[in-house]
Amino acid sequence: MNSLAVVILIIVSSAILVGINLWLLWYTKLIYEISVRIFNVSERLLEETIVVKDETIIIRKDTRVIKNESTRVRELTETNTDLNRLNAAQKQNKKLTGKDRIVIPDEDAAG
């Protein structure tokens, strides 16, 4: 009888160990699947980060172009203002007689 009890005990303990191993295998598979999902999300985030970086570089370049164009527009506006003042002074000069004085607007007073 003792040998039968030992055999039954060995069979039961083996079945329990197989069950534990199967549970550990399932748990390991679950962890692996979660890790793969995390890796895929990380990969997509990296791709999006690269796209955002590229777009940021483009925006910076566009901002520089806009800044340069704004500077150019400001310079042209100042030149146009100076030309308008000169034209106004020339028109006024044509209307003057010998007794009249030529008055050129002072930039500091006009500003």
PDB file of N, CA and C in Angstrom:
ATOM      1  N   MET A   1       0.791  -1.187   0.000  1.00  0.00           N
ATOM      2  CA  MET A   1       0.000   0.000   0.000  1.00  0.00           C
ATOM      3  C   MET A   1       0.844   1.267   0.000  1.00  0.00           C
ATOM      4  N   ASN A   2       1.932   1.172   0.711  1.00  0.00           N
ATOM      5  CA  ASN A   2       2.786   2.352   0.781  1.00  0.00           C
ATOM      6  C   ASN A   2       3.311   2.749  -0.590  1.00  0.00           C
ATOM      7  N   SER A   3       3.660   1.766  -1.377  1.00  0.00           N
ATOM      8  CA  SER A   3       4.190   2.088  -2.698  1.00  0.00           C
ATOM      9  C   SER A   3       3.099   2.683  -3.587  1.00  0.00           C
ATOM     10  N   LEU A   4       1.856   2.228  -3.431  1.00  0.00           N
ATOM     11  CA  LEU A   4       0.744   2.788  -4.198  1.00  0.00           C
ATOM     12  C   LEU A   4       0.503   4.245  -3.794  1.00  0.00           C
ATOM     13  N   ALA A   5       0.570   4.541  -2.511  1.00  0.00           N
ATOM     14  CA  ALA A   5       0.384   5.906  -2.016  1.00  0.00           C
ATOM     15  C   ALA A   5       1.499   6.811  -2.537  1.00  0.00           C
ATOM     16  N   VAL A   6       2.721   6.290  -2.592  1.00  0.00           N
ATOM     17  CA  VAL A   6       3.848   7.067  -3.093  1.00  0.00           C
ATOM     18  C   VAL A   6       3.654   7.364  -4.572  1.00  0.00           C
ATOM     19  N   VAL A   7       3.206   6.360  -5.342  1.00  0.00           N
ATOM     20  CA  VAL A   7       2.975   6.544  -6.776  1.00  0.00           C
ATOM     21  C   VAL A   7       1.872   7.579  -6.998  1.00  0.00           C
ATOM     22  N   ILE A   8       0.795   7.491  -6.232  1.00  0.00           N
ATOM     23  CA  ILE A   8      -0.312   8.447  -6.359  1.00  0.00           C
ATOM     24  C   ILE A   8       0.173   9.848  -5.986  1.00  0.00           C
ATOM     25  N   LEU A   9       0.953   9.949  -4.925  1.00  0.00           N
ATOM     26  CA  LEU A   9       1.495  11.229  -4.499  1.00  0.00           C
ATOM     27  C   LEU A   9       2.413  11.826  -5.564  1.00  0.00           C
ATOM     28  N   ILE A  10       3.223  10.992  -6.196  1.00  0.00           N
ATOM     29  CA  ILE A  10       4.107  11.446  -7.272  1.00  0.00           C
ATOM     30  C   ILE A  10       3.287  11.927  -8.465  1.00  0.00           C
ATOM     31  N   ILE A  11       2.236  11.186  -8.819  1.00  0.00           N
ATOM     32  CA  ILE A  11       1.382  11.564  -9.953  1.00  0.00           C
ATOM     33  C   ILE A  11       0.678  12.891  -9.665  1.00  0.00           C
ATOM     34  N   VAL A  12       0.125  13.031  -8.459  1.00  0.00           N
ATOM     35  CA  VAL A  12      -0.581  14.264  -8.093  1.00  0.00           C
ATOM     36  C   VAL A  12       0.389  15.448  -8.083  1.00  0.00           C
ATOM     37  N   SER A  13       1.565  15.274  -7.485  1.00  0.00           N
ATOM     38  CA  SER A  13       2.534  16.372  -7.436  1.00  0.00           C
ATOM     39  C   SER A  13       3.030  16.721  -8.839  1.00  0.00           C
ATOM     40  N   SER A  14       3.181  15.710  -9.701  1.00  0.00           N
ATOM     41  CA  SER A  14       3.584  15.968 -11.085  1.00  0.00           C
ATOM     42  C   SER A  14       2.505  16.762 -11.819  1.00  0.00           C
ATOM     43  N   ALA A  15       1.239  16.396 -11.592  1.00  0.00           N
ATOM     44  CA  ALA A  15       0.130  17.118 -12.225  1.00  0.00           C
ATOM     45  C   ALA A  15       0.100  18.569 -11.745  1.00  0.00           C
ATOM     46  N   ILE A  16       0.329  18.770 -10.453  1.00  0.00           N
ATOM     47  CA  ILE A  16       0.355  20.133  -9.907  1.00  0.00           C
ATOM     48  C   ILE A  16       1.502  20.925 -10.531  1.00  0.00           C
ATOM     49  N   LEU A  17       2.681  20.319 -10.644  1.00  0.00           N
ATOM     50  CA  LEU A  17       3.830  20.995 -11.246  1.00  0.00           C
ATOM     51  C   LEU A  17       3.584  21.319 -12.717  1.00  0.00           C
ATOM     52  N   VAL A  18       2.936  20.392 -13.448  1.00  0.00           N
ATOM     53  CA  VAL A  18       2.598  20.655 -14.853  1.00  0.00           C
ATOM     54  C   VAL A  18       1.631  21.835 -14.931  1.00  0.00           C
ATOM     55  N   GLY A  19       0.653  21.874 -14.035  1.00  0.00           N
ATOM     56  CA  GLY A  19      -0.297  22.994 -14.002  1.00  0.00           C
ATOM     57  C   GLY A  19       0.402  24.315 -13.727  1.00  0.00           C
ATOM     58  N   ILE A  20       1.319  24.305 -12.763  1.00  0.00           N
ATOM     59  CA  ILE A  20       2.073  25.523 -12.451  1.00  0.00           C
ATOM     60  C   ILE A  20       2.907  25.953 -13.655  1.00  0.00           C
ATOM     61  N   ASN A  21       3.554  24.998 -14.313  1.00  0.00           N
ATOM     62  CA  ASN A  21       4.359  25.312 -15.498  1.00  0.00           C
ATOM     63  C   ASN A  21       3.496  25.886 -16.621  1.00  0.00           C
ATOM     64  N   LEU A  22       2.306  25.298 -16.829  1.00  0.00           N
ATOM     65  CA  LEU A  22       1.404  25.820 -17.860  1.00  0.00           C
ATOM     66  C   LEU A  22       0.957  27.245 -17.526  1.00  0.00           C
ATOM     67  N   TRP A  23       0.637  27.476 -16.237  1.00  0.00           N
ATOM     68  CA  TRP A  23       0.238  28.822 -15.826  1.00  0.00           C
ATOM     69  C   TRP A  23       1.381  29.799 -16.047  1.00  0.00           C
ATOM     70  N   LEU A  24       2.611  29.433 -15.683  1.00  0.00           N
ATOM     71  CA  LEU A  24       3.778  30.297 -15.893  1.00  0.00           C
ATOM     72  C   LEU A  24       4.014  30.553 -17.379  1.00  0.00           C
ATOM     73  N   LEU A  25       3.808  29.528 -18.205  1.00  0.00           N
ATOM     74  CA  LEU A  25       3.961  29.686 -19.651  1.00  0.00           C
ATOM     75  C   LEU A  25       2.929  30.674 -20.192  1.00  0.00           C
ATOM     76  N   TRP A  26       1.681  30.536 -19.758  1.00  0.00           N
ATOM     77  CA  TRP A  26       0.628  31.457 -20.179  1.00  0.00           C
ATOM     78  C   TRP A  26       0.941  32.884 -19.735  1.00  0.00           C
ATOM     79  N   TYR A  27       1.390  33.045 -18.492  1.00  0.00           N
ATOM     80  CA  TYR A  27       1.726  34.356 -17.949  1.00  0.00           C
ATOM     81  C   TYR A  27       2.896  34.976 -18.717  1.00  0.00           C
ATOM     82  N   THR A  28       3.894  34.162 -19.056  1.00  0.00           N
ATOM     83  CA  THR A  28       5.037  34.638 -19.836  1.00  0.00           C
ATOM     84  C   THR A  28       4.585  35.083 -21.223  1.00  0.00           C
ATOM     85  N   LYS A  29       3.674  34.312 -21.836  1.00  0.00           N
ATOM     86  CA  LYS A  29       3.135  34.674 -23.155  1.00  0.00           C
ATOM     87  C   LYS A  29       2.378  36.002 -23.071  1.00  0.00           C
ATOM     88  N   LEU A  30       1.616  36.186 -22.016  1.00  0.00           N
ATOM     89  CA  LEU A  30       0.871  37.427 -21.816  1.00  0.00           C
ATOM     90  C   LEU A  30       1.831  38.615 -21.679  1.00  0.00           C
ATOM     91  N   ILE A  31       2.877  38.450 -20.903  1.00  0.00           N
ATOM     92  CA  ILE A  31       3.879  39.511 -20.741  1.00  0.00           C
ATOM     93  C   ILE A  31       4.550  39.805 -22.078  1.00  0.00           C
ATOM     94  N   TYR A  32       4.845  38.778 -22.860  1.00  0.00           N
ATOM     95  CA  TYR A  32       5.466  38.961 -24.174  1.00  0.00           C
ATOM     96  C   TYR A  32       4.548  39.766 -25.095  1.00  0.00           C
ATOM     97  N   GLU A  33       3.255  39.416 -25.131  1.00  0.00           N
ATOM     98  CA  GLU A  33       2.312  40.134 -25.990  1.00  0.00           C
ATOM     99  C   GLU A  33       2.198  41.607 -25.587  1.00  0.00           C
ATOM    100  N   ILE A  34       2.164  41.863 -24.288  1.00  0.00           N
ATOM    101  CA  ILE A  34       2.106  43.249 -23.812  1.00  0.00           C
ATOM    102  C   ILE A  34       3.380  43.990 -24.208  1.00  0.00           C
ATOM    103  N   SER A  35       4.518  43.325 -24.078  1.00  0.00           N
ATOM    104  CA  SER A  35       5.798  43.942 -24.458  1.00  0.00           C
ATOM    105  C   SER A  35       5.827  44.274 -25.946  1.00  0.00           C
ATOM    106  N   VAL A  36       5.291  43.379 -26.784  1.00  0.00           N
ATOM    107  CA  VAL A  36       5.244  43.633 -28.228  1.00  0.00           C
ATOM    108  C   VAL A  36       4.354  44.837 -28.523  1.00  0.00           C
ATOM    109  N   ARG A  37       3.215  44.932 -27.847  1.00  0.00           N
ATOM    110  CA  ARG A  37       2.327  46.088 -28.042  1.00  0.00           C
ATOM    111  C   ARG A  37       3.020  47.384 -27.630  1.00  0.00           C
ATOM    112  N   ILE A  38       3.694  47.350 -26.495  1.00  0.00           N
ATOM    113  CA  ILE A  38       4.418  48.539 -26.030  1.00  0.00           C
ATOM    114  C   ILE A  38       5.498  48.918 -27.032  1.00  0.00           C
ATOM    115  N   PHE A  39       6.202  47.924 -27.562  1.00  0.00           N
ATOM    116  CA  PHE A  39       7.237  48.191 -28.559  1.00  0.00           C
ATOM    117  C   PHE A  39       6.635  48.836 -29.803  1.00  0.00           C
ATOM    118  N   ASN A  40       5.494  48.312 -30.268  1.00  0.00           N
ATOM    119  CA  ASN A  40       4.847  48.878 -31.464  1.00  0.00           C
ATOM    120  C   ASN A  40       4.413  50.321 -31.232  1.00  0.00           C
ATOM    121  N   VAL A  41       3.851  50.588 -30.056  1.00  0.00           N
ATOM    122  CA  VAL A  41       3.446  51.959 -29.731  1.00  0.00           C
ATOM    123  C   VAL A  41       4.673  52.861 -29.667  1.00  0.00           C
ATOM    124  N   SER A  42       5.743  52.369 -29.060  1.00  0.00           N
ATOM    125  CA  SER A  42       6.980  53.156 -28.975  1.00  0.00           C
ATOM    126  C   SER A  42       7.534  53.448 -30.365  1.00  0.00           C
ATOM    127  N   GLU A  43       7.451  52.463 -31.247  1.00  0.00           N
ATOM    128  CA  GLU A  43       7.938  52.648 -32.614  1.00  0.00           C
ATOM    129  C   GLU A  43       7.125  53.726 -33.337  1.00  0.00           C
ATOM    130  N   ARG A  44       5.798  53.678 -33.175  1.00  0.00           N
ATOM    131  CA  ARG A  44       4.950  54.703 -33.796  1.00  0.00           C
ATOM    132  C   ARG A  44       5.229  56.083 -33.208  1.00  0.00           C
ATOM    133  N   LEU A  45       5.425  56.133 -31.892  1.00  0.00           N
ATOM    134  CA  LEU A  45       5.748  57.415 -31.262  1.00  0.00           C
ATOM    135  C   LEU A  45       7.065  57.970 -31.783  1.00  0.00           C
ATOM    136  N   LEU A  46       8.032  57.100 -31.980  1.00  0.00           N
ATOM    137  CA  LEU A  46       9.317  57.537 -32.530  1.00  0.00           C
ATOM    138  C   LEU A  46       9.135  58.081 -33.939  1.00  0.00           C
ATOM    139  N   GLU A  47       8.337  57.386 -34.758  1.00  0.00           N
ATOM    140  CA  GLU A  47       8.082  57.863 -36.118  1.00  0.00           C
ATOM    141  C   GLU A  47       7.394  59.225 -36.094  1.00  0.00           C
ATOM    142  N   GLU A  48       6.410  59.387 -35.205  1.00  0.00           N
ATOM    143  CA  GLU A  48       5.705  60.669 -35.101  1.00  0.00           C
ATOM    144  C   GLU A  48       6.643  61.762 -34.602  1.00  0.00           C
ATOM    145  N   THR A  49       7.532  61.406 -33.689  1.00  0.00           N
ATOM    146  CA  THR A  49       8.503  62.378 -33.183  1.00  0.00           C
ATOM    147  C   THR A  49       9.417  62.850 -34.302  1.00  0.00           C
ATOM    148  N   ILE A  50       9.825  61.927 -35.153  1.00  0.00           N
ATOM    149  CA  ILE A  50      10.678  62.287 -36.291  1.00  0.00           C
ATOM    150  C   ILE A  50       9.918  63.220 -37.235  1.00  0.00           C
ATOM    151  N   VAL A  51       8.636  62.915 -37.487  1.00  0.00           N
ATOM    152  CA  VAL A  51       7.822  63.773 -38.357  1.00  0.00           C
ATOM    153  C   VAL A  51       7.685  65.167 -37.738  1.00  0.00           C
ATOM    154  N   VAL A  52       7.407  65.211 -36.429  1.00  0.00           N
ATOM    155  CA  VAL A  52       7.265  66.502 -35.750  1.00  0.00           C
ATOM    156  C   VAL A  52       8.579  67.280 -35.812  1.00  0.00           C
ATOM    157  N   LYS A  53       9.699  66.581 -35.640  1.00  0.00           N
ATOM    158  CA  LYS A  53      11.010  67.240 -35.720  1.00  0.00           C
ATOM    159  C   LYS A  53      11.211  67.838 -37.110  1.00  0.00           C
ATOM    160  N   ASP A  54      10.895  67.053 -38.148  1.00  0.00           N
ATOM    161  CA  ASP A  54      11.038  67.552 -39.521  1.00  0.00           C
ATOM    162  C   ASP A  54      10.139  68.763 -39.760  1.00  0.00           C
ATOM    163  N   GLU A  55       8.901  68.691 -39.275  1.00  0.00           N
ATOM    164  CA  GLU A  55       7.970  69.815 -39.442  1.00  0.00           C
ATOM    165  C   GLU A  55       8.466  71.046 -38.688  1.00  0.00           C
ATOM    166  N   THR A  56       9.050  70.828 -37.516  1.00  0.00           N
ATOM    167  CA  THR A  56       9.593  71.945 -36.739  1.00  0.00           C
ATOM    168  C   THR A  56      10.727  72.618 -37.491  1.00  0.00           C
ATOM    169  N   ILE A  57      11.578  71.827 -38.120  1.00  0.00           N
ATOM    170  CA  ILE A  57      12.677  72.389 -38.914  1.00  0.00           C
ATOM    171  C   ILE A  57      12.115  73.219 -40.065  1.00  0.00           C
ATOM    172  N   ILE A  58      11.079  72.698 -40.726  1.00  0.00           N
ATOM    173  CA  ILE A  58      10.452  73.432 -41.835  1.00  0.00           C
ATOM    174  C   ILE A  58       9.843  74.741 -41.323  1.00  0.00           C
ATOM    175  N   ILE A  59       9.168  74.675 -40.175  1.00  0.00           N
ATOM    176  CA  ILE A  59       8.559  75.882 -39.603  1.00  0.00           C
ATOM    177  C   ILE A  59       9.634  76.909 -39.266  1.00  0.00           C
ATOM    178  N   ARG A  60      10.755  76.441 -38.702  1.00  0.00           N
ATOM    179  CA  ARG A  60      11.844  77.377 -38.389  1.00  0.00           C
ATOM    180  C   ARG A  60      12.371  78.042 -39.656  1.00  0.00           C
ATOM    181  N   LYS A  61      12.528  77.245 -40.722  1.00  0.00           N
ATOM    182  CA  LYS A  61      13.005  77.821 -41.986  1.00  0.00           C
ATOM    183  C   LYS A  61      12.000  78.837 -42.513  1.00  0.00           C
ATOM    184  N   ASP A  62      10.710  78.478 -42.466  1.00  0.00           N
ATOM    185  CA  ASP A  62       9.671  79.403 -42.929  1.00  0.00           C
ATOM    186  C   ASP A  62       9.660  80.678 -42.087  1.00  0.00           C
ATOM    187  N   THR A  63       9.874  80.524 -40.784  1.00  0.00           N
ATOM    188  CA  THR A  63       9.904  81.688 -39.896  1.00  0.00           C
ATOM    189  C   THR A  63      11.058  82.607 -40.261  1.00  0.00           C
ATOM    190  N   ARG A  64      12.213  82.016 -40.576  1.00  0.00           N
ATOM    191  CA  ARG A  64      13.353  82.841 -41.005  1.00  0.00           C
ATOM    192  C   ARG A  64      13.030  83.589 -42.296  1.00  0.00           C
ATOM    193  N   VAL A  65      12.391  82.892 -43.237  1.00  0.00           N
ATOM    194  CA  VAL A  65      12.022  83.534 -44.506  1.00  0.00           C
ATOM    195  C   VAL A  65      11.051  84.682 -44.242  1.00  0.00           C
ATOM    196  N   ILE A  66      10.055  84.429 -43.399  1.00  0.00           N
ATOM    197  CA  ILE A  66       9.074  85.476 -43.074  1.00  0.00           C
ATOM    198  C   ILE A  66       9.774  86.658 -42.407  1.00  0.00           C
ATOM    199  N   LYS A  67      10.702  86.365 -41.492  1.00  0.00           N
ATOM    200  CA  LYS A  67      11.440  87.442 -40.819  1.00  0.00           C
ATOM    201  C   LYS A  67      12.236  88.257 -41.834  1.00  0.00           C
ATOM    202  N   ASN A  68      12.915  87.567 -42.732  1.00  0.00           N
ATOM    203  CA  ASN A  68      13.693  88.272 -43.762  1.00  0.00           C
ATOM    204  C   ASN A  68      12.786  89.105 -44.665  1.00  0.00           C
ATOM    205  N   GLU A  69      11.651  88.520 -45.055  1.00  0.00           N
ATOM    206  CA  GLU A  69      10.705  89.253 -45.905  1.00  0.00           C
ATOM    207  C   GLU A  69      10.129  90.454 -45.161  1.00  0.00           C
ATOM    208  N   SER A  70       9.852  90.284 -43.871  1.00  0.00           N
ATOM    209  CA  SER A  70       9.323  91.401 -43.078  1.00  0.00           C
ATOM    210  C   SER A  70      10.339  92.529 -42.999  1.00  0.00           C
ATOM    211  N   THR A  71      11.599  92.157 -42.823  1.00  0.00           N
ATOM    212  CA  THR A  71      12.661  93.171 -42.798  1.00  0.00           C
ATOM    213  C   THR A  71      12.719  93.901 -44.132  1.00  0.00           C
ATOM    214  N   ARG A  72      12.623  93.144 -45.204  1.00  0.00           N
ATOM    215  CA  ARG A  72      12.662  93.741 -46.547  1.00  0.00           C
ATOM    216  C   ARG A  72      11.464  94.672 -46.759  1.00  0.00           C
ATOM    217  N   VAL A  73      10.283  94.240 -46.333  1.00  0.00           N
ATOM    218  CA  VAL A  73       9.081  95.077 -46.468  1.00  0.00           C
ATOM    219  C   VAL A  73       9.245  96.358 -45.654  1.00  0.00           C
ATOM    220  N   ARG A  74       9.787  96.235 -44.440  1.00  0.00           N
ATOM    221  CA  ARG A  74      10.002  97.423 -43.606  1.00  0.00           C
ATOM    222  C   ARG A  74      10.977  98.385 -44.287  1.00  0.00           C
ATOM    223  N   GLU A  75      12.057  97.841 -44.844  1.00  0.00           N
ATOM    224  CA  GLU A  75      13.031  98.684 -45.550  1.00  0.00           C
ATOM    225  C   GLU A  75      12.390  99.376 -46.747  1.00  0.00           C
ATOM    226  N   LEU A  76      11.586  98.615 -47.513  1.00  0.00           N
ATOM    227  CA  LEU A  76      10.913  99.207 -48.676  1.00  0.00           C
ATOM    228  C   LEU A  76       9.904 100.265 -48.250  1.00  0.00           C
ATOM    229  N   THR A  77       9.218 100.024 -47.139  1.00  0.00           N
ATOM    230  CA  THR A  77       8.253 101.004 -46.635  1.00  0.00           C
ATOM    231  C   THR A  77       8.966 102.289 -46.230  1.00  0.00           C
ATOM    232  N   GLU A  78      10.108 102.140 -45.546  1.00  0.00           N
ATOM    233  CA  GLU A  78      10.883 103.327 -45.164  1.00  0.00           C
ATOM    234  C   GLU A  78      11.362 104.081 -46.405  1.00  0.00           C
ATOM    235  N   THR A  79      11.826 103.335 -47.410  1.00  0.00           N
ATOM    236  CA  THR A  79      12.271 103.967 -48.656  1.00  0.00           C
ATOM    237  C   THR A  79      11.109 104.680 -49.334  1.00  0.00           C
ATOM    238  N   ASN A  80       9.941 104.036 -49.351  1.00  0.00           N
ATOM    239  CA  ASN A  80       8.752 104.634 -49.954  1.00  0.00           C
ATOM    240  C   ASN A  80       8.352 105.908 -49.215  1.00  0.00           C
ATOM    241  N   THR A  81       8.429 105.865 -47.884  1.00  0.00           N
ATOM    242  CA  THR A  81       8.104 107.056 -47.093  1.00  0.00           C
ATOM    243  C   THR A  81       9.057 108.194 -47.426  1.00  0.00           C
ATOM    244  N   ASP A  82      10.344 107.866 -47.517  1.00  0.00           N
ATOM    245  CA  ASP A  82      11.338 108.889 -47.877  1.00  0.00           C
ATOM    246  C   ASP A  82      11.059 109.455 -49.270  1.00  0.00           C
ATOM    247  N   LEU A  83      10.717 108.574 -50.213  1.00  0.00           N
ATOM    248  CA  LEU A  83      10.407 109.034 -51.573  1.00  0.00           C
ATOM    249  C   LEU A  83       9.164 109.913 -51.587  1.00  0.00           C
ATOM    250  N   ASN A  84       8.162 109.552 -50.806  1.00  0.00           N
ATOM    251  CA  ASN A  84       6.941 110.368 -50.729  1.00  0.00           C
ATOM    252  C   ASN A  84       7.246 111.744 -50.161  1.00  0.00           C
ATOM    253  N   ARG A  85       8.093 111.794 -49.141  1.00  0.00           N
ATOM    254  CA  ARG A  85       8.486 113.095 -48.578  1.00  0.00           C
ATOM    255  C   ARG A  85       9.237 113.926 -49.620  1.00  0.00           C
ATOM    256  N   LEU A  86      10.128 113.263 -50.345  1.00  0.00           N
ATOM    257  CA  LEU A  86      10.894 113.962 -51.381  1.00  0.00           C
ATOM    258  C   LEU A  86       9.964 114.483 -52.479  1.00  0.00           C
ATOM    259  N   ASN A  87       9.014 113.644 -52.908  1.00  0.00           N
ATOM    260  CA  ASN A  87       8.050 114.079 -53.931  1.00  0.00           C
ATOM    261  C   ASN A  87       7.217 115.254 -53.439  1.00  0.00           C
ATOM    262  N   ALA A  88       6.793 115.190 -52.172  1.00  0.00           N
ATOM    263  CA  ALA A  88       6.001 116.291 -51.614  1.00  0.00           C
ATOM    264  C   ALA A  88       6.829 117.568 -51.578  1.00  0.00           C
ATOM    265  N   ALA A  89       8.095 117.443 -51.204  1.00  0.00           N
ATOM    266  CA  ALA A  89       8.973 118.624 -51.160  1.00  0.00           C
ATOM    267  C   ALA A  89       9.194 119.171 -52.562  1.00  0.00           C
ATOM    268  N   GLN A  90       9.334 118.283 -53.562  1.00  0.00           N
ATOM    269  CA  GLN A  90       9.534 118.740 -54.940  1.00  0.00           C
ATOM    270  C   GLN A  90       8.288 119.444 -55.465  1.00  0.00           C
ATOM    271  N   LYS A  91       7.104 118.899 -55.152  1.00  0.00           N
ATOM    272  CA  LYS A  91       5.862 119.557 -55.579  1.00  0.00           C
ATOM    273  C   LYS A  91       5.735 120.930 -54.932  1.00  0.00           C
ATOM    274  N   GLN A  92       6.078 120.970 -53.641  1.00  0.00           N
ATOM    275  CA  GLN A  92       6.008 122.248 -52.936  1.00  0.00           C
ATOM    276  C   GLN A  92       7.021 123.224 -53.531  1.00  0.00           C
ATOM    277  N   ASN A  93       8.172 122.730 -53.905  1.00  0.00           N
ATOM    278  CA  ASN A  93       9.224 123.566 -54.479  1.00  0.00           C
ATOM    279  C   ASN A  93       8.776 124.166 -55.814  1.00  0.00           C
ATOM    280  N   LYS A  94       8.032 123.397 -56.606  1.00  0.00           N
ATOM    281  CA  LYS A  94       7.551 123.900 -57.901  1.00  0.00           C
ATOM    282  C   LYS A  94       6.559 125.043 -57.716  1.00  0.00           C
ATOM    283  N   LYS A  95       5.843 125.035 -56.598  1.00  0.00           N
ATOM    284  CA  LYS A  95       4.839 126.070 -56.349  1.00  0.00           C
ATOM    285  C   LYS A  95       5.451 127.338 -55.752  1.00  0.00           C
ATOM    286  N   LEU A  96       6.683 127.244 -55.323  1.00  0.00           N
ATOM    287  CA  LEU A  96       7.288 128.376 -54.618  1.00  0.00           C
ATOM    288  C   LEU A  96       7.696 129.487 -55.577  1.00  0.00           C
ATOM    289  N   THR A  97       7.663 130.677 -55.064  1.00  0.00           N
ATOM    290  CA  THR A  97       8.222 131.821 -55.796  1.00  0.00           C
ATOM    291  C   THR A  97       9.577 132.120 -55.186  1.00  0.00           C
ATOM    292  N   GLY A  98      10.241 133.122 -55.693  1.00  0.00           N
ATOM    293  CA  GLY A  98      11.573 133.445 -55.189  1.00  0.00           C
ATOM    294  C   GLY A  98      11.586 133.872 -53.736  1.00  0.00           C
ATOM    295  N   LYS A  99      10.464 134.391 -53.242  1.00  0.00           N
ATOM    296  CA  LYS A  99      10.405 134.884 -51.866  1.00  0.00           C
ATOM    297  C   LYS A  99      10.106 133.768 -50.868  1.00  0.00           C
ATOM    298  N   ASP A 100       9.627 132.614 -51.363  1.00  0.00           N
ATOM    299  CA  ASP A 100       9.226 131.516 -50.464  1.00  0.00           C
ATOM    300  C   ASP A 100      10.436 130.713 -50.006  1.00  0.00           C
ATOM    301  N   ARG A 101      10.250 130.086 -48.900  1.00  0.00           N
ATOM    302  CA  ARG A 101      11.300 129.232 -48.346  1.00  0.00           C
ATOM    303  C   ARG A 101      10.980 127.779 -48.621  1.00  0.00           C
ATOM    304  N   ILE A 102      12.008 126.963 -48.893  1.00  0.00           N
ATOM    305  CA  ILE A 102      11.816 125.521 -49.065  1.00  0.00           C
ATOM    306  C   ILE A 102      11.830 124.880 -47.678  1.00  0.00           C
ATOM    307  N   VAL A 103      10.774 124.140 -47.387  1.00  0.00           N
ATOM    308  CA  VAL A 103      10.694 123.471 -46.085  1.00  0.00           C
ATOM    309  C   VAL A 103      10.677 121.963 -46.335  1.00  0.00           C
ATOM    310  N   ILE A 104      11.667 121.297 -45.796  1.00  0.00           N
ATOM    311  CA  ILE A 104      11.712 119.826 -45.889  1.00  0.00           C
ATOM    312  C   ILE A 104      11.330 119.287 -44.518  1.00  0.00           C
ATOM    313  N   PRO A 105      10.322 118.423 -44.463  1.00  0.00           N
ATOM    314  CA  PRO A 105       9.874 117.924 -43.155  1.00  0.00           C
ATOM    315  C   PRO A 105      11.012 117.213 -42.424  1.00  0.00           C
ATOM    316  N   ASP A 106      11.115 117.502 -41.139  1.00  0.00           N
ATOM    317  CA  ASP A 106      12.139 116.875 -40.303  1.00  0.00           C
ATOM    318  C   ASP A 106      11.639 115.497 -39.887  1.00  0.00           C
ATOM    319  N   GLU A 107      12.464 114.482 -40.074  1.00  0.00           N
ATOM    320  CA  GLU A 107      12.053 113.108 -39.745  1.00  0.00           C
ATOM    321  C   GLU A 107      11.777 112.955 -38.259  1.00  0.00           C
ATOM    322  N   ASP A 108      12.573 113.615 -37.411  1.00  0.00           N
ATOM    323  CA  ASP A 108      12.382 113.497 -35.963  1.00  0.00           C
ATOM    324  C   ASP A 108      11.070 114.137 -35.534  1.00  0.00           C
ATOM    325  N   ALA A 109      10.718 115.253 -36.151  1.00  0.00           N
ATOM    326  CA  ALA A 109       9.482 115.939 -35.794  1.00  0.00           C
ATOM    327  C   ALA A 109       8.274 115.198 -36.356  1.00  0.00           C
ATOM    328  N   ALA A 110       8.437 114.559 -37.523  1.00  0.00           N
ATOM    329  CA  ALA A 110       7.319 113.855 -38.161  1.00  0.00           C
ATOM    330  C   ALA A 110       7.010 112.558 -37.431  1.00  0.00           C
ATOM    331  N   GLY A 111       8.025 111.910 -36.869  1.00  0.00           N
ATOM    332  CA  GLY A 111       7.882 110.592 -36.297  1.00  0.00           C
ATOM    333  C   GLY A 111       7.120 110.562 -35.048  1.00  0.00           C
TER     334      GLY A 111
END
